[in-house]
Amino acid sequence: MRWEFPMHSAPWAGVLATAGGLVFSGSDEGNFFALDAKTGKPLWDFQTGGPIAANPVSFNVDGRQCVAIAADRVLYVFGL
């Protein structure tokens, strides 16, 4: 095993890894977070205010990578 990242509860959402070395996931407590793919260290997190039960999605807009997550009837989109 290369690294592990402990979570407070089992995730309902899947995990997304990008070619840019990022790993994204979310928790039932509403935390959406990015990890360094090489080390597993947290890079940032965002509290959505509601459970995350859908997989994160990565897409490109005008050459800029974005990641989106749905939580508690809200769609959040982050530019990377």
PDB file of N, CA and C in Angstrom:
ATOM      1  N   MET A   1       0.847  -1.171   0.000  1.00  0.00           N
ATOM      2  CA  MET A   1       0.000   0.000   0.000  1.00  0.00           C
ATOM      3  C   MET A   1       0.895   1.238   0.000  1.00  0.00           C
ATOM      4  N   ARG A   2       0.528   2.198  -0.809  1.00  0.00           N
ATOM      5  CA  ARG A   2       1.327   3.418  -0.926  1.00  0.00           C
ATOM      6  C   ARG A   2       1.007   4.413   0.186  1.00  0.00           C
ATOM      7  N   TRP A   3      -0.280   4.634   0.469  1.00  0.00           N
ATOM      8  CA  TRP A   3      -0.718   5.513   1.554  1.00  0.00           C
ATOM      9  C   TRP A   3      -2.174   5.218   1.862  1.00  0.00           C
ATOM     10  N   GLU A   4      -2.638   5.745   2.988  1.00  0.00           N
ATOM     11  CA  GLU A   4      -4.052   5.636   3.334  1.00  0.00           C
ATOM     12  C   GLU A   4      -4.518   6.956   3.926  1.00  0.00           C
ATOM     13  N   PHE A   5      -5.808   7.200   3.797  1.00  0.00           N
ATOM     14  CA  PHE A   5      -6.414   8.429   4.308  1.00  0.00           C
ATOM     15  C   PHE A   5      -7.635   8.031   5.130  1.00  0.00           C
ATOM     16  N   PRO A   6      -7.555   8.128   6.460  1.00  0.00           N
ATOM     17  CA  PRO A   6      -8.692   7.718   7.296  1.00  0.00           C
ATOM     18  C   PRO A   6      -9.884   8.669   7.137  1.00  0.00           C
ATOM     19  N   MET A   7     -11.079   8.089   7.106  1.00  0.00           N
ATOM     20  CA  MET A   7     -12.311   8.864   7.004  1.00  0.00           C
ATOM     21  C   MET A   7     -13.176   8.562   8.219  1.00  0.00           C
ATOM     22  N   HIS A   8     -14.025   9.522   8.594  1.00  0.00           N
ATOM     23  CA  HIS A   8     -14.880   9.364   9.771  1.00  0.00           C
ATOM     24  C   HIS A   8     -15.999   8.354   9.544  1.00  0.00           C
ATOM     25  N   SER A   9     -16.434   8.222   8.301  1.00  0.00           N
ATOM     26  CA  SER A   9     -17.486   7.257   7.974  1.00  0.00           C
ATOM     27  C   SER A   9     -17.204   6.689   6.589  1.00  0.00           C
ATOM     28  N   ALA A  10     -17.833   5.589   6.292  1.00  0.00           N
ATOM     29  CA  ALA A  10     -17.657   4.984   4.968  1.00  0.00           C
ATOM     30  C   ALA A  10     -18.195   5.929   3.898  1.00  0.00           C
ATOM     31  N   PRO A  11     -17.435   6.171   2.831  1.00  0.00           N
ATOM     32  CA  PRO A  11     -17.910   7.082   1.788  1.00  0.00           C
ATOM     33  C   PRO A  11     -18.984   6.438   0.922  1.00  0.00           C
ATOM     34  N   TRP A  12     -20.027   7.203   0.611  1.00  0.00           N
ATOM     35  CA  TRP A  12     -21.059   6.746  -0.322  1.00  0.00           C
ATOM     36  C   TRP A  12     -20.659   7.106  -1.743  1.00  0.00           C
ATOM     37  N   ALA A  13     -19.851   8.144  -1.874  1.00  0.00           N
ATOM     38  CA  ALA A  13     -19.398   8.587  -3.186  1.00  0.00           C
ATOM     39  C   ALA A  13     -18.112   7.859  -3.558  1.00  0.00           C
ATOM     40  N   GLY A  14     -17.840   7.818  -4.842  1.00  0.00           N
ATOM     41  CA  GLY A  14     -16.611   7.206  -5.321  1.00  0.00           C
ATOM     42  C   GLY A  14     -15.435   8.156  -5.203  1.00  0.00           C
ATOM     43  N   VAL A  15     -14.332   7.732  -5.761  1.00  0.00           N
ATOM     44  CA  VAL A  15     -13.090   8.497  -5.733  1.00  0.00           C
ATOM     45  C   VAL A  15     -12.731   8.848  -7.168  1.00  0.00           C
ATOM     46  N   LEU A  16     -12.229  10.072  -7.372  1.00  0.00           N
ATOM     47  CA  LEU A  16     -11.793  10.524  -8.688  1.00  0.00           C
ATOM     48  C   LEU A  16     -10.307  10.846  -8.616  1.00  0.00           C
ATOM     49  N   ALA A  17      -9.520  10.282  -9.526  1.00  0.00           N
ATOM     50  CA  ALA A  17      -8.096  10.609  -9.630  1.00  0.00           C
ATOM     51  C   ALA A  17      -7.869  11.301 -10.968  1.00  0.00           C
ATOM     52  N   THR A  18      -7.042  12.338 -10.973  1.00  0.00           N
ATOM     53  CA  THR A  18      -6.773  13.085 -12.199  1.00  0.00           C
ATOM     54  C   THR A  18      -5.345  12.849 -12.667  1.00  0.00           C
ATOM     55  N   ALA A  19      -5.098  13.130 -13.941  1.00  0.00           N
ATOM     56  CA  ALA A  19      -3.752  13.022 -14.496  1.00  0.00           C
ATOM     57  C   ALA A  19      -2.821  14.062 -13.883  1.00  0.00           C
ATOM     58  N   GLY A  20      -3.392  15.092 -13.272  1.00  0.00           N
ATOM     59  CA  GLY A  20      -2.601  16.141 -12.641  1.00  0.00           C
ATOM     60  C   GLY A  20      -2.145  15.804 -11.231  1.00  0.00           C
ATOM     61  N   GLY A  21      -2.371  14.571 -10.781  1.00  0.00           N
ATOM     62  CA  GLY A  21      -1.869  14.154  -9.476  1.00  0.00           C
ATOM     63  C   GLY A  21      -2.773  14.480  -8.308  1.00  0.00           C
ATOM     64  N   LEU A  22      -4.074  14.620  -8.561  1.00  0.00           N
ATOM     65  CA  LEU A  22      -5.027  14.910  -7.494  1.00  0.00           C
ATOM     66  C   LEU A  22      -5.989  13.744  -7.314  1.00  0.00           C
ATOM     67  N   VAL A  23      -6.437  13.538  -6.083  1.00  0.00           N
ATOM     68  CA  VAL A  23      -7.457  12.545  -5.763  1.00  0.00           C
ATOM     69  C   VAL A  23      -8.574  13.274  -5.030  1.00  0.00           C
ATOM     70  N   PHE A  24      -9.820  13.093  -5.484  1.00  0.00           N
ATOM     71  CA  PHE A  24     -10.976  13.750  -4.880  1.00  0.00           C
ATOM     72  C   PHE A  24     -11.937  12.713  -4.327  1.00  0.00           C
ATOM     73  N   SER A  25     -12.569  13.040  -3.216  1.00  0.00           N
ATOM     74  CA  SER A  25     -13.638  12.213  -2.673  1.00  0.00           C
ATOM     75  C   SER A  25     -14.470  13.070  -1.733  1.00  0.00           C
ATOM     76  N   GLY A  26     -15.559  12.504  -1.266  1.00  0.00           N
ATOM     77  CA  GLY A  26     -16.439  13.207  -0.342  1.00  0.00           C
ATOM     78  C   GLY A  26     -16.938  12.267   0.729  1.00  0.00           C
ATOM     79  N   SER A  27     -17.517  12.838   1.765  1.00  0.00           N
ATOM     80  CA  SER A  27     -17.964  12.032   2.900  1.00  0.00           C
ATOM     81  C   SER A  27     -19.449  12.242   3.174  1.00  0.00           C
ATOM     82  N   ASP A  28     -19.981  11.356   3.970  1.00  0.00           N
ATOM     83  CA  ASP A  28     -21.371  11.447   4.402  1.00  0.00           C
ATOM     84  C   ASP A  28     -21.601  12.689   5.261  1.00  0.00           C
ATOM     85  N   GLU A  29     -20.536  13.195   5.884  1.00  0.00           N
ATOM     86  CA  GLU A  29     -20.633  14.413   6.700  1.00  0.00           C
ATOM     87  C   GLU A  29     -20.602  15.683   5.857  1.00  0.00           C
ATOM     88  N   GLY A  30     -20.428  15.554   4.533  1.00  0.00           N
ATOM     89  CA  GLY A  30     -20.436  16.714   3.648  1.00  0.00           C
ATOM     90  C   GLY A  30     -19.083  17.302   3.344  1.00  0.00           C
ATOM     91  N   ASN A  31     -18.009  16.644   3.738  1.00  0.00           N
ATOM     92  CA  ASN A  31     -16.667  17.141   3.428  1.00  0.00           C
ATOM     93  C   ASN A  31     -16.249  16.673   2.040  1.00  0.00           C
ATOM     94  N   PHE A  32     -15.900  17.616   1.178  1.00  0.00           N
ATOM     95  CA  PHE A  32     -15.348  17.313  -0.136  1.00  0.00           C
ATOM     96  C   PHE A  32     -13.887  17.693  -0.073  1.00  0.00           C
ATOM     97  N   PHE A  33     -13.005  16.790  -0.461  1.00  0.00           N
ATOM     98  CA  PHE A  33     -11.584  17.060  -0.259  1.00  0.00           C
ATOM     99  C   PHE A  33     -10.736  16.605  -1.432  1.00  0.00           C
ATOM    100  N   ALA A  34      -9.562  17.239  -1.538  1.00  0.00           N
ATOM    101  CA  ALA A  34      -8.555  16.894  -2.538  1.00  0.00           C
ATOM    102  C   ALA A  34      -7.308  16.424  -1.808  1.00  0.00           C
ATOM    103  N   LEU A  35      -6.728  15.358  -2.322  1.00  0.00           N
ATOM    104  CA  LEU A  35      -5.506  14.798  -1.757  1.00  0.00           C
ATOM    105  C   LEU A  35      -4.417  14.778  -2.821  1.00  0.00           C
ATOM    106  N   ASP A  36      -3.170  14.822  -2.381  1.00  0.00           N
ATOM    107  CA  ASP A  36      -2.034  14.639  -3.267  1.00  0.00           C
ATOM    108  C   ASP A  36      -1.960  13.152  -3.620  1.00  0.00           C
ATOM    109  N   ALA A  37      -1.974  12.807  -4.900  1.00  0.00           N
ATOM    110  CA  ALA A  37      -2.002  11.404  -5.314  1.00  0.00           C
ATOM    111  C   ALA A  37      -0.730  10.654  -4.928  1.00  0.00           C
ATOM    112  N   LYS A  38       0.391  11.340  -4.838  1.00  0.00           N
ATOM    113  CA  LYS A  38       1.653  10.669  -4.493  1.00  0.00           C
ATOM    114  C   LYS A  38       1.775  10.386  -3.007  1.00  0.00           C
ATOM    115  N   THR A  39       1.307  11.324  -2.181  1.00  0.00           N
ATOM    116  CA  THR A  39       1.546  11.217  -0.736  1.00  0.00           C
ATOM    117  C   THR A  39       0.294  10.926   0.080  1.00  0.00           C
ATOM    118  N   GLY A  40      -0.884  11.233  -0.470  1.00  0.00           N
ATOM    119  CA  GLY A  40      -2.127  11.088   0.279  1.00  0.00           C
ATOM    120  C   GLY A  40      -2.396  12.233   1.234  1.00  0.00           C
ATOM    121  N   LYS A  41      -1.545  13.241   1.218  1.00  0.00           N
ATOM    122  CA  LYS A  41      -1.736  14.384   2.121  1.00  0.00           C
ATOM    123  C   LYS A  41      -2.867  15.277   1.618  1.00  0.00           C
ATOM    124  N   PRO A  42      -3.710  15.757   2.551  1.00  0.00           N
ATOM    125  CA  PRO A  42      -4.803  16.655   2.164  1.00  0.00           C
ATOM    126  C   PRO A  42      -4.267  17.973   1.607  1.00  0.00           C
ATOM    127  N   LEU A  43      -4.851  18.420   0.509  1.00  0.00           N
ATOM    128  CA  LEU A  43      -4.488  19.701  -0.089  1.00  0.00           C
ATOM    129  C   LEU A  43      -5.519  20.768   0.254  1.00  0.00           C
ATOM    130  N   TRP A  44      -6.792  20.401   0.257  1.00  0.00           N
ATOM    131  CA  TRP A  44      -7.861  21.303   0.680  1.00  0.00           C
ATOM    132  C   TRP A  44      -9.129  20.504   0.924  1.00  0.00           C
ATOM    133  N   ASP A  45     -10.054  21.140   1.631  1.00  0.00           N
ATOM    134  CA  ASP A  45     -11.367  20.527   1.819  1.00  0.00           C
ATOM    135  C   ASP A  45     -12.424  21.618   1.867  1.00  0.00           C
ATOM    136  N   PHE A  46     -13.652  21.216   1.595  1.00  0.00           N
ATOM    137  CA  PHE A  46     -14.774  22.143   1.551  1.00  0.00           C
ATOM    138  C   PHE A  46     -15.966  21.467   2.209  1.00  0.00           C
ATOM    139  N   GLN A  47     -16.618  22.148   3.119  1.00  0.00           N
ATOM    140  CA  GLN A  47     -17.801  21.617   3.795  1.00  0.00           C
ATOM    141  C   GLN A  47     -19.030  22.027   2.995  1.00  0.00           C
ATOM    142  N   THR A  48     -19.741  21.035   2.447  1.00  0.00           N
ATOM    143  CA  THR A  48     -20.902  21.315   1.607  1.00  0.00           C
ATOM    144  C   THR A  48     -22.171  21.568   2.406  1.00  0.00           C
ATOM    145  N   GLY A  49     -22.196  21.112   3.645  1.00  0.00           N
ATOM    146  CA  GLY A  49     -23.393  21.286   4.457  1.00  0.00           C
ATOM    147  C   GLY A  49     -24.388  20.151   4.334  1.00  0.00           C
ATOM    148  N   GLY A  50     -24.082  19.174   3.495  1.00  0.00           N
ATOM    149  CA  GLY A  50     -24.967  18.025   3.331  1.00  0.00           C
ATOM    150  C   GLY A  50     -24.191  16.819   2.851  1.00  0.00           C
ATOM    151  N   PRO A  51     -24.755  15.634   2.996  1.00  0.00           N
ATOM    152  CA  PRO A  51     -24.044  14.421   2.609  1.00  0.00           C
ATOM    153  C   PRO A  51     -23.729  14.366   1.114  1.00  0.00           C
ATOM    154  N   ILE A  52     -22.584  13.791   0.796  1.00  0.00           N
ATOM    155  CA  ILE A  52     -22.159  13.603  -0.590  1.00  0.00           C
ATOM    156  C   ILE A  52     -22.371  12.139  -0.943  1.00  0.00           C
ATOM    157  N   ALA A  53     -23.264  11.888  -1.890  1.00  0.00           N
ATOM    158  CA  ALA A  53     -23.577  10.513  -2.269  1.00  0.00           C
ATOM    159  C   ALA A  53     -23.324  10.252  -3.753  1.00  0.00           C
ATOM    160  N   ALA A  54     -22.770  11.236  -4.460  1.00  0.00           N
ATOM    161  CA  ALA A  54     -22.488  11.087  -5.887  1.00  0.00           C
ATOM    162  C   ALA A  54     -20.986  11.191  -6.126  1.00  0.00           C
ATOM    163  N   ASN A  55     -20.525  10.570  -7.194  1.00  0.00           N
ATOM    164  CA  ASN A  55     -19.106  10.629  -7.532  1.00  0.00           C
ATOM    165  C   ASN A  55     -18.720  12.019  -8.023  1.00  0.00           C
ATOM    166  N   PRO A  56     -17.514  12.489  -7.699  1.00  0.00           N
ATOM    167  CA  PRO A  56     -17.026  13.729  -8.284  1.00  0.00           C
ATOM    168  C   PRO A  56     -16.771  13.531  -9.781  1.00  0.00           C
ATOM    169  N   VAL A  57     -16.892  14.614 -10.539  1.00  0.00           N
ATOM    170  CA  VAL A  57     -16.700  14.581 -11.986  1.00  0.00           C
ATOM    171  C   VAL A  57     -15.693  15.652 -12.364  1.00  0.00           C
ATOM    172  N   SER A  58     -14.766  15.318 -13.243  1.00  0.00           N
ATOM    173  CA  SER A  58     -13.772  16.269 -13.729  1.00  0.00           C
ATOM    174  C   SER A  58     -14.081  16.598 -15.183  1.00  0.00           C
ATOM    175  N   PHE A  59     -13.930  17.869 -15.549  1.00  0.00           N
ATOM    176  CA  PHE A  59     -14.173  18.284 -16.927  1.00  0.00           C
ATOM    177  C   PHE A  59     -13.349  19.523 -17.219  1.00  0.00           C
ATOM    178  N   ASN A  60     -13.291  19.897 -18.485  1.00  0.00           N
ATOM    179  CA  ASN A  60     -12.462  20.993 -18.939  1.00  0.00           C
ATOM    180  C   ASN A  60     -13.344  22.076 -19.551  1.00  0.00           C
ATOM    181  N   VAL A  61     -13.124  23.326 -19.149  1.00  0.00           N
ATOM    182  CA  VAL A  61     -13.840  24.465 -19.715  1.00  0.00           C
ATOM    183  C   VAL A  61     -12.805  25.476 -20.188  1.00  0.00           C
ATOM    184  N   ASP A  62     -12.744  25.705 -21.495  1.00  0.00           N
ATOM    185  CA  ASP A  62     -11.802  26.663 -22.078  1.00  0.00           C
ATOM    186  C   ASP A  62     -10.373  26.417 -21.608  1.00  0.00           C
ATOM    187  N   GLY A  63      -9.963  25.153 -21.556  1.00  0.00           N
ATOM    188  CA  GLY A  63      -8.599  24.811 -21.173  1.00  0.00           C
ATOM    189  C   GLY A  63      -8.338  24.756 -19.682  1.00  0.00           C
ATOM    190  N   ARG A  64      -9.352  24.980 -18.878  1.00  0.00           N
ATOM    191  CA  ARG A  64      -9.182  24.957 -17.422  1.00  0.00           C
ATOM    192  C   ARG A  64      -9.910  23.747 -16.835  1.00  0.00           C
ATOM    193  N   GLN A  65      -9.184  22.973 -16.033  1.00  0.00           N
ATOM    194  CA  GLN A  65      -9.789  21.796 -15.416  1.00  0.00           C
ATOM    195  C   GLN A  65     -10.694  22.216 -14.268  1.00  0.00           C
ATOM    196  N   CYS A  66     -11.851  21.562 -14.193  1.00  0.00           N
ATOM    197  CA  CYS A  66     -12.810  21.797 -13.119  1.00  0.00           C
ATOM    198  C   CYS A  66     -13.210  20.455 -12.525  1.00  0.00           C
ATOM    199  N   VAL A  67     -13.693  20.486 -11.298  1.00  0.00           N
ATOM    200  CA  VAL A  67     -14.242  19.297 -10.662  1.00  0.00           C
ATOM    201  C   VAL A  67     -15.572  19.695 -10.042  1.00  0.00           C
ATOM    202  N   ALA A  68     -16.563  18.810 -10.172  1.00  0.00           N
ATOM    203  CA  ALA A  68     -17.902  19.098  -9.657  1.00  0.00           C
ATOM    204  C   ALA A  68     -18.350  17.982  -8.727  1.00  0.00           C
ATOM    205  N   ILE A  69     -19.163  18.361  -7.746  1.00  0.00           N
ATOM    206  CA  ILE A  69     -19.731  17.402  -6.803  1.00  0.00           C
ATOM    207  C   ILE A  69     -21.141  17.869  -6.449  1.00  0.00           C
ATOM    208  N   ALA A  70     -22.045  16.928  -6.294  1.00  0.00           N
ATOM    209  CA  ALA A  70     -23.409  17.247  -5.875  1.00  0.00           C
ATOM    210  C   ALA A  70     -23.588  16.821  -4.426  1.00  0.00           C
ATOM    211  N   ALA A  71     -24.190  17.705  -3.642  1.00  0.00           N
ATOM    212  CA  ALA A  71     -24.447  17.407  -2.230  1.00  0.00           C
ATOM    213  C   ALA A  71     -25.682  18.165  -1.779  1.00  0.00           C
ATOM    214  N   ASP A  72     -26.586  17.465  -1.133  1.00  0.00           N
ATOM    215  CA  ASP A  72     -27.765  18.090  -0.537  1.00  0.00           C
ATOM    216  C   ASP A  72     -28.500  19.010  -1.514  1.00  0.00           C
ATOM    217  N   ARG A  73     -28.750  18.529  -2.728  1.00  0.00           N
ATOM    218  CA  ARG A  73     -29.491  19.235  -3.776  1.00  0.00           C
ATOM    219  C   ARG A  73     -28.783  20.474  -4.305  1.00  0.00           C
ATOM    220  N   VAL A  74     -27.453  20.538  -4.149  1.00  0.00           N
ATOM    221  CA  VAL A  74     -26.661  21.649  -4.676  1.00  0.00           C
ATOM    222  C   VAL A  74     -25.507  21.070  -5.488  1.00  0.00           C
ATOM    223  N   LEU A  75     -25.206  21.670  -6.644  1.00  0.00           N
ATOM    224  CA  LEU A  75     -24.056  21.285  -7.447  1.00  0.00           C
ATOM    225  C   LEU A  75     -22.950  22.302  -7.211  1.00  0.00           C
ATOM    226  N   TYR A  76     -21.796  21.834  -6.755  1.00  0.00           N
ATOM    227  CA  TYR A  76     -20.636  22.688  -6.509  1.00  0.00           C
ATOM    228  C   TYR A  76     -19.608  22.422  -7.603  1.00  0.00           C
ATOM    229  N   VAL A  77     -19.060  23.491  -8.193  1.00  0.00           N
ATOM    230  CA  VAL A  77     -18.039  23.366  -9.230  1.00  0.00           C
ATOM    231  C   VAL A  77     -16.828  24.179  -8.797  1.00  0.00           C
ATOM    232  N   PHE A  78     -15.654  23.536  -8.855  1.00  0.00           N
ATOM    233  CA  PHE A  78     -14.401  24.172  -8.446  1.00  0.00           C
ATOM    234  C   PHE A  78     -13.450  24.209  -9.634  1.00  0.00           C
ATOM    235  N   GLY A  79     -12.830  25.365  -9.873  1.00  0.00           N
ATOM    236  CA  GLY A  79     -11.778  25.481 -10.872  1.00  0.00           C
ATOM    237  C   GLY A  79     -10.455  25.080 -10.244  1.00  0.00           C
ATOM    238  N   LEU A  80      -9.658  24.334 -10.997  1.00  0.00           N
ATOM    239  CA  LEU A  80      -8.374  23.865 -10.464  1.00  0.00           C
ATOM    240  C   LEU A  80      -7.214  24.596 -11.094  1.00  0.00           C
TER     241      LEU A  80
END
